Structures are given as structure tokens and as C-alpha cells.
Amino acid sequence: MDNIVQLPNLAFFIKISGLILIFGYIIFTVVILIQTITMNKIIHIPPSSQVLTGVTVINLLLAISLFIAAVVIL
């Protein structure tokens, strides 16, 4: 049993799994951005449309910076 699960291999697996999950979140955030832009083309309310698009772009930038920070730290 000791040969199957070794501590360094388990830690590496957890790090790679975390990076894959963060990358999946980035893809999810890009989909949300595309849906927000499409929704704003259909239903355009000037003040809230700009705020909603801005919040979505900020969310995408934070997700990308999270991935970069995780790559550097891990």
C-alpha cells in the first residue's frame, strides 16, 4: 500500500487538480461574459448593462490572475 500512494505524488496530483479546476472556472467565466454580451444586445438598459458587463470583465480578470498566481505559487 505504501508504494501506491506516496506523499510527493499525492501532493503533485492535488496541485494539478487545483489548476485544472481553476482553468475550468476561467472557461465558465468566459461563457458568462459571452452570455452577458449577448443579453445586452437583446435587452439594452444603459446604466445596468454597462455595470453588468464591467463586473463580468472584472470577474474574468480575477479568474485569470488567480490561475497565474496558482501557477507561480504551486
PDB file of N, CA and C in Angstrom:
ATOM      1  N   MET A   1       0.825  -1.200   0.000  1.00  0.00           N
ATOM      2  CA  MET A   1       0.000   0.000   0.000  1.00  0.00           C
ATOM      3  C   MET A   1       0.866   1.259   0.000  1.00  0.00           C
ATOM      4  N   ASP A   2       2.025   1.200   0.611  1.00  0.00           N
ATOM      5  CA  ASP A   2       2.897   2.368   0.665  1.00  0.00           C
ATOM      6  C   ASP A   2       3.431   2.748  -0.710  1.00  0.00           C
ATOM      7  N   ASN A   3       3.568   1.777  -1.593  1.00  0.00           N
ATOM      8  CA  ASN A   3       4.083   2.068  -2.924  1.00  0.00           C
ATOM      9  C   ASN A   3       3.051   2.762  -3.804  1.00  0.00           C
ATOM     10  N   ILE A   4       1.772   2.494  -3.559  1.00  0.00           N
ATOM     11  CA  ILE A   4       0.719   3.057  -4.414  1.00  0.00           C
ATOM     12  C   ILE A   4       0.530   4.546  -4.138  1.00  0.00           C
ATOM     13  N   VAL A   5       0.373   4.900  -2.879  1.00  0.00           N
ATOM     14  CA  VAL A   5       0.112   6.298  -2.517  1.00  0.00           C
ATOM     15  C   VAL A   5       1.332   6.838  -1.780  1.00  0.00           C
ATOM     16  N   GLN A   6       2.119   7.618  -2.481  1.00  0.00           N
ATOM     17  CA  GLN A   6       3.269   8.256  -1.861  1.00  0.00           C
ATOM     18  C   GLN A   6       2.963   9.734  -1.702  1.00  0.00           C
ATOM     19  N   LEU A   7       3.462  10.315  -0.654  1.00  0.00           N
ATOM     20  CA  LEU A   7       3.136  11.699  -0.326  1.00  0.00           C
ATOM     21  C   LEU A   7       3.518  12.699  -1.414  1.00  0.00           C
ATOM     22  N   PRO A   8       4.704  12.658  -2.014  1.00  0.00           N
ATOM     23  CA  PRO A   8       5.018  13.642  -3.073  1.00  0.00           C
ATOM     24  C   PRO A   8       4.113  13.503  -4.300  1.00  0.00           C
ATOM     25  N   ASN A   9       3.781  12.271  -4.674  1.00  0.00           N
ATOM     26  CA  ASN A   9       2.898  12.080  -5.823  1.00  0.00           C
ATOM     27  C   ASN A   9       1.495  12.581  -5.526  1.00  0.00           C
ATOM     28  N   LEU A  10       1.025  12.371  -4.301  1.00  0.00           N
ATOM     29  CA  LEU A  10      -0.301  12.838  -3.916  1.00  0.00           C
ATOM     30  C   LEU A  10      -0.355  14.365  -3.917  1.00  0.00           C
ATOM     31  N   ALA A  11       0.671  15.014  -3.409  1.00  0.00           N
ATOM     32  CA  ALA A  11       0.706  16.480  -3.392  1.00  0.00           C
ATOM     33  C   ALA A  11       0.729  17.036  -4.812  1.00  0.00           C
ATOM     34  N   PHE A  12       1.492  16.407  -5.696  1.00  0.00           N
ATOM     35  CA  PHE A  12       1.542  16.843  -7.095  1.00  0.00           C
ATOM     36  C   PHE A  12       0.182  16.666  -7.757  1.00  0.00           C
ATOM     37  N   PHE A  13      -0.491  15.563  -7.481  1.00  0.00           N
ATOM     38  CA  PHE A  13      -1.819  15.308  -8.037  1.00  0.00           C
ATOM     39  C   PHE A  13      -2.826  16.349  -7.561  1.00  0.00           C
ATOM     40  N   ILE A  14      -2.748  16.719  -6.296  1.00  0.00           N
ATOM     41  CA  ILE A  14      -3.665  17.732  -5.754  1.00  0.00           C
ATOM     42  C   ILE A  14      -3.404  19.090  -6.400  1.00  0.00           C
ATOM     43  N   LYS A  15      -2.142  19.439  -6.619  1.00  0.00           N
ATOM     44  CA  LYS A  15      -1.804  20.717  -7.261  1.00  0.00           C
ATOM     45  C   LYS A  15      -2.314  20.761  -8.695  1.00  0.00           C
ATOM     46  N   ILE A  16      -2.094  19.689  -9.442  1.00  0.00           N
ATOM     47  CA  ILE A  16      -2.565  19.641 -10.828  1.00  0.00           C
ATOM     48  C   ILE A  16      -4.089  19.685 -10.868  1.00  0.00           C
ATOM     49  N   SER A  17      -4.744  18.996  -9.937  1.00  0.00           N
ATOM     50  CA  SER A  17      -6.210  19.021  -9.886  1.00  0.00           C
ATOM     51  C   SER A  17      -6.723  20.434  -9.610  1.00  0.00           C
ATOM     52  N   GLY A  18      -6.056  21.140  -8.720  1.00  0.00           N
ATOM     53  CA  GLY A  18      -6.447  22.521  -8.435  1.00  0.00           C
ATOM     54  C   GLY A  18      -6.301  23.418  -9.646  1.00  0.00           C
ATOM     55  N   LEU A  19      -5.207  23.265 -10.385  1.00  0.00           N
ATOM     56  CA  LEU A  19      -5.007  24.071 -11.593  1.00  0.00           C
ATOM     57  C   LEU A  19      -6.060  23.751 -12.652  1.00  0.00           C
ATOM     58  N   ILE A  20      -6.425  22.483 -12.773  1.00  0.00           N
ATOM     59  CA  ILE A  20      -7.460  22.101 -13.739  1.00  0.00           C
ATOM     60  C   ILE A  20      -8.803  22.705 -13.343  1.00  0.00           C
ATOM     61  N   LEU A  21      -9.120  22.695 -12.051  1.00  0.00           N
ATOM     62  CA  LEU A  21     -10.380  23.292 -11.594  1.00  0.00           C
ATOM     63  C   LEU A  21     -10.404  24.803 -11.831  1.00  0.00           C
ATOM     64  N   ILE A  22      -9.297  25.471 -11.577  1.00  0.00           N
ATOM     65  CA  ILE A  22      -9.230  26.914 -11.818  1.00  0.00           C
ATOM     66  C   ILE A  22      -9.364  27.214 -13.307  1.00  0.00           C
ATOM     67  N   PHE A  23      -8.742  26.397 -14.159  1.00  0.00           N
ATOM     68  CA  PHE A  23      -8.871  26.583 -15.604  1.00  0.00           C
ATOM     69  C   PHE A  23     -10.320  26.373 -16.048  1.00  0.00           C
ATOM     70  N   GLY A  24     -11.001  25.400 -15.447  1.00  0.00           N
ATOM     71  CA  GLY A  24     -12.425  25.197 -15.741  1.00  0.00           C
ATOM     72  C   GLY A  24     -13.256  26.402 -15.334  1.00  0.00           C
ATOM     73  N   TYR A  25     -12.896  27.033 -14.215  1.00  0.00           N
ATOM     74  CA  TYR A  25     -13.593  28.243 -13.786  1.00  0.00           C
ATOM     75  C   TYR A  25     -13.372  29.387 -14.775  1.00  0.00           C
ATOM     76  N   ILE A  26     -12.176  29.475 -15.349  1.00  0.00           N
ATOM     77  CA  ILE A  26     -11.905  30.506 -16.357  1.00  0.00           C
ATOM     78  C   ILE A  26     -12.792  30.285 -17.577  1.00  0.00           C
ATOM     79  N   ILE A  27     -12.914  29.044 -18.016  1.00  0.00           N
ATOM     80  CA  ILE A  27     -13.779  28.746 -19.164  1.00  0.00           C
ATOM     81  C   ILE A  27     -15.224  29.102 -18.837  1.00  0.00           C
ATOM     82  N   PHE A  28     -15.676  28.758 -17.634  1.00  0.00           N
ATOM     83  CA  PHE A  28     -17.027  29.102 -17.196  1.00  0.00           C
ATOM     84  C   PHE A  28     -17.230  30.619 -17.190  1.00  0.00           C
ATOM     85  N   THR A  29     -16.234  31.366 -16.753  1.00  0.00           N
ATOM     86  CA  THR A  29     -16.328  32.820 -16.715  1.00  0.00           C
ATOM     87  C   THR A  29     -16.381  33.412 -18.118  1.00  0.00           C
ATOM     88  N   VAL A  30     -15.645  32.830 -19.063  1.00  0.00           N
ATOM     89  CA  VAL A  30     -15.706  33.297 -20.454  1.00  0.00           C
ATOM     90  C   VAL A  30     -17.106  33.071 -21.017  1.00  0.00           C
ATOM     91  N   VAL A  31     -17.717  31.935 -20.693  1.00  0.00           N
ATOM     92  CA  VAL A  31     -19.086  31.662 -21.148  1.00  0.00           C
ATOM     93  C   VAL A  31     -20.052  32.687 -20.563  1.00  0.00           C
ATOM     94  N   ILE A  32     -19.881  33.025 -19.297  1.00  0.00           N
ATOM     95  CA  ILE A  32     -20.738  34.040 -18.675  1.00  0.00           C
ATOM     96  C   ILE A  32     -20.560  35.388 -19.364  1.00  0.00           C
ATOM     97  N   LEU A  33     -19.325  35.744 -19.709  1.00  0.00           N
ATOM     98  CA  LEU A  33     -19.071  37.006 -20.407  1.00  0.00           C
ATOM     99  C   LEU A  33     -19.766  37.025 -21.763  1.00  0.00           C
ATOM    100  N   ILE A  34     -19.674  35.941 -22.508  1.00  0.00           N
ATOM    101  CA  ILE A  34     -20.330  35.872 -23.822  1.00  0.00           C
ATOM    102  C   ILE A  34     -21.843  35.972 -23.667  1.00  0.00           C
ATOM    103  N   GLN A  35     -22.405  35.297 -22.672  1.00  0.00           N
ATOM    104  CA  GLN A  35     -23.849  35.368 -22.449  1.00  0.00           C
ATOM    105  C   GLN A  35     -24.282  36.768 -22.028  1.00  0.00           C
ATOM    106  N   THR A  36     -23.469  37.444 -21.236  1.00  0.00           N
ATOM    107  CA  THR A  36     -23.799  38.805 -20.813  1.00  0.00           C
ATOM    108  C   THR A  36     -23.795  39.760 -21.998  1.00  0.00           C
ATOM    109  N   ILE A  37     -22.801  39.638 -22.865  1.00  0.00           N
ATOM    110  CA  ILE A  37     -22.743  40.497 -24.053  1.00  0.00           C
ATOM    111  C   ILE A  37     -23.937  40.233 -24.961  1.00  0.00           C
ATOM    112  N   THR A  38     -24.284  38.959 -25.138  1.00  0.00           N
ATOM    113  CA  THR A  38     -25.438  38.610 -25.972  1.00  0.00           C
ATOM    114  C   THR A  38     -26.729  39.141 -25.360  1.00  0.00           C
ATOM    115  N   MET A  39     -26.870  39.026 -24.046  1.00  0.00           N
ATOM    116  CA  MET A  39     -28.067  39.523 -23.377  1.00  0.00           C
ATOM    117  C   MET A  39     -28.176  41.040 -23.515  1.00  0.00           C
ATOM    118  N   ASN A  40     -27.043  41.738 -23.431  1.00  0.00           N
ATOM    119  CA  ASN A  40     -27.071  43.194 -23.560  1.00  0.00           C
ATOM    120  C   ASN A  40     -27.450  43.638 -24.967  1.00  0.00           C
ATOM    121  N   LYS A  41     -27.177  42.811 -25.972  1.00  0.00           N
ATOM    122  CA  LYS A  41     -27.609  43.149 -27.331  1.00  0.00           C
ATOM    123  C   LYS A  41     -29.116  43.009 -27.480  1.00  0.00           C
ATOM    124  N   ILE A  42     -29.704  42.057 -26.757  1.00  0.00           N
ATOM    125  CA  ILE A  42     -31.145  41.823 -26.860  1.00  0.00           C
ATOM    126  C   ILE A  42     -31.916  42.798 -25.978  1.00  0.00           C
ATOM    127  N   ILE A  43     -31.528  42.887 -24.722  1.00  0.00           N
ATOM    128  CA  ILE A  43     -32.197  43.772 -23.765  1.00  0.00           C
ATOM    129  C   ILE A  43     -31.172  44.798 -23.315  1.00  0.00           C
ATOM    130  N   HIS A  44     -31.265  46.007 -23.826  1.00  0.00           N
ATOM    131  CA  HIS A  44     -30.260  47.024 -23.510  1.00  0.00           C
ATOM    132  C   HIS A  44     -30.862  48.064 -22.580  1.00  0.00           C
ATOM    133  N   ILE A  45     -30.392  48.083 -21.345  1.00  0.00           N
ATOM    134  CA  ILE A  45     -30.743  49.110 -20.369  1.00  0.00           C
ATOM    135  C   ILE A  45     -29.427  49.810 -20.041  1.00  0.00           C
ATOM    136  N   PRO A  46     -29.237  51.052 -20.515  1.00  0.00           N
ATOM    137  CA  PRO A  46     -27.912  51.687 -20.483  1.00  0.00           C
ATOM    138  C   PRO A  46     -27.145  51.646 -19.161  1.00  0.00           C
ATOM    139  N   PRO A  47     -27.698  52.073 -18.026  1.00  0.00           N
ATOM    140  CA  PRO A  47     -26.835  52.090 -16.842  1.00  0.00           C
ATOM    141  C   PRO A  47     -26.484  50.683 -16.340  1.00  0.00           C
ATOM    142  N   SER A  48     -27.465  49.814 -16.293  1.00  0.00           N
ATOM    143  CA  SER A  48     -27.194  48.496 -15.716  1.00  0.00           C
ATOM    144  C   SER A  48     -26.439  47.585 -16.679  1.00  0.00           C
ATOM    145  N   SER A  49     -26.586  47.791 -17.984  1.00  0.00           N
ATOM    146  CA  SER A  49     -25.872  46.956 -18.948  1.00  0.00           C
ATOM    147  C   SER A  49     -24.367  47.177 -18.849  1.00  0.00           C
ATOM    148  N   GLN A  50     -23.957  48.426 -18.711  1.00  0.00           N
ATOM    149  CA  GLN A  50     -22.531  48.722 -18.605  1.00  0.00           C
ATOM    150  C   GLN A  50     -21.953  48.196 -17.296  1.00  0.00           C
ATOM    151  N   VAL A  51     -22.711  48.322 -16.224  1.00  0.00           N
ATOM    152  CA  VAL A  51     -22.238  47.841 -14.924  1.00  0.00           C
ATOM    153  C   VAL A  51     -22.114  46.322 -14.939  1.00  0.00           C
ATOM    154  N   LEU A  52     -23.105  45.653 -15.498  1.00  0.00           N
ATOM    155  CA  LEU A  52     -23.082  44.194 -15.544  1.00  0.00           C
ATOM    156  C   LEU A  52     -21.929  43.674 -16.399  1.00  0.00           C
ATOM    157  N   THR A  53     -21.698  44.306 -17.532  1.00  0.00           N
ATOM    158  CA  THR A  53     -20.573  43.910 -18.378  1.00  0.00           C
ATOM    159  C   THR A  53     -19.248  44.187 -17.669  1.00  0.00           C
ATOM    160  N   GLY A  54     -19.152  45.300 -16.980  1.00  0.00           N
ATOM    161  CA  GLY A  54     -17.932  45.623 -16.240  1.00  0.00           C
ATOM    162  C   GLY A  54     -17.639  44.626 -15.133  1.00  0.00           C
ATOM    163  N   VAL A  55     -18.667  44.245 -14.402  1.00  0.00           N
ATOM    164  CA  VAL A  55     -18.487  43.261 -13.333  1.00  0.00           C
ATOM    165  C   VAL A  55     -18.059  41.914 -13.911  1.00  0.00           C
ATOM    166  N   THR A  56     -18.616  41.550 -15.051  1.00  0.00           N
ATOM    167  CA  THR A  56     -18.252  40.284 -15.684  1.00  0.00           C
ATOM    168  C   THR A  56     -16.803  40.300 -16.165  1.00  0.00           C
ATOM    169  N   VAL A  57     -16.362  41.411 -16.728  1.00  0.00           N
ATOM    170  CA  VAL A  57     -14.966  41.520 -17.174  1.00  0.00           C
ATOM    171  C   VAL A  57     -14.017  41.479 -15.977  1.00  0.00           C
ATOM    172  N   ILE A  58     -14.388  42.141 -14.891  1.00  0.00           N
ATOM    173  CA  ILE A  58     -13.564  42.105 -13.679  1.00  0.00           C
ATOM    174  C   ILE A  58     -13.476  40.676 -13.139  1.00  0.00           C
ATOM    175  N   ASN A  59     -14.595  39.951 -13.182  1.00  0.00           N
ATOM    176  CA  ASN A  59     -14.596  38.554 -12.748  1.00  0.00           C
ATOM    177  C   ASN A  59     -13.649  37.713 -13.598  1.00  0.00           C
ATOM    178  N   LEU A  60     -13.652  37.945 -14.905  1.00  0.00           N
ATOM    179  CA  LEU A  60     -12.753  37.214 -15.797  1.00  0.00           C
ATOM    180  C   LEU A  60     -11.291  37.545 -15.498  1.00  0.00           C
ATOM    181  N   LEU A  61     -10.994  38.819 -15.297  1.00  0.00           N
ATOM    182  CA  LEU A  61      -9.615  39.219 -14.988  1.00  0.00           C
ATOM    183  C   LEU A  61      -9.137  38.632 -13.660  1.00  0.00           C
ATOM    184  N   LEU A  62     -10.022  38.590 -12.675  1.00  0.00           N
ATOM    185  CA  LEU A  62      -9.652  37.997 -11.391  1.00  0.00           C
ATOM    186  C   LEU A  62      -9.432  36.490 -11.512  1.00  0.00           C
ATOM    187  N   ALA A  63     -10.230  35.829 -12.341  1.00  0.00           N
ATOM    188  CA  ALA A  63     -10.049  34.387 -12.544  1.00  0.00           C
ATOM    189  C   ALA A  63      -8.715  34.095 -13.227  1.00  0.00           C
ATOM    190  N   ILE A  64      -8.365  34.908 -14.211  1.00  0.00           N
ATOM    191  CA  ILE A  64      -7.082  34.720 -14.898  1.00  0.00           C
ATOM    192  C   ILE A  64      -5.921  34.996 -13.945  1.00  0.00           C
ATOM    193  N   SER A  65      -6.042  36.045 -13.131  1.00  0.00           N
ATOM    194  CA  SER A  65      -4.970  36.344 -12.178  1.00  0.00           C
ATOM    195  C   SER A  65      -4.864  35.258 -11.107  1.00  0.00           C
ATOM    196  N   LEU A  66      -5.983  34.645 -10.741  1.00  0.00           N
ATOM    197  CA  LEU A  66      -5.949  33.527  -9.800  1.00  0.00           C
ATOM    198  C   LEU A  66      -5.179  32.353 -10.387  1.00  0.00           C
ATOM    199  N   PHE A  67      -5.409  32.068 -11.665  1.00  0.00           N
ATOM    200  CA  PHE A  67      -4.696  30.969 -12.318  1.00  0.00           C
ATOM    201  C   PHE A  67      -3.195  31.252 -12.385  1.00  0.00           C
ATOM    202  N   ILE A  68      -2.847  32.474 -12.741  1.00  0.00           N
ATOM    203  CA  ILE A  68      -1.425  32.833 -12.828  1.00  0.00           C
ATOM    204  C   ILE A  68      -0.765  32.755 -11.453  1.00  0.00           C
ATOM    205  N   ALA A  69      -1.455  33.245 -10.431  1.00  0.00           N
ATOM    206  CA  ALA A  69      -0.905  33.175  -9.074  1.00  0.00           C
ATOM    207  C   ALA A  69      -0.754  31.726  -8.618  1.00  0.00           C
ATOM    208  N   ALA A  70      -1.712  30.887  -8.971  1.00  0.00           N
ATOM    209  CA  ALA A  70      -1.627  29.474  -8.584  1.00  0.00           C
ATOM    210  C   ALA A  70      -0.468  28.779  -9.285  1.00  0.00           C
ATOM    211  N   VAL A  71      -0.227  29.115 -10.549  1.00  0.00           N
ATOM    212  CA  VAL A  71       0.900  28.513 -11.269  1.00  0.00           C
ATOM    213  C   VAL A  71       2.216  28.944 -10.627  1.00  0.00           C
ATOM    214  N   VAL A  72       2.314  30.209 -10.246  1.00  0.00           N
ATOM    215  CA  VAL A  72       3.555  30.712  -9.647  1.00  0.00           C
ATOM    216  C   VAL A  72       3.769  30.105  -8.258  1.00  0.00           C
ATOM    217  N   ILE A  73       2.725  30.041  -7.469  1.00  0.00           N
ATOM    218  CA  ILE A  73       2.854  29.549  -6.097  1.00  0.00           C
ATOM    219  C   ILE A  73       3.030  28.034  -6.056  1.00  0.00           C
ATOM    220  N   LEU A  74       2.234  27.336  -6.859  1.00  0.00           N
ATOM    221  CA  LEU A  74       2.310  25.870  -6.805  1.00  0.00           C
ATOM    222  C   LEU A  74       3.492  25.391  -7.605  1.00  0.00           C
TER     223      LEU A  74
END
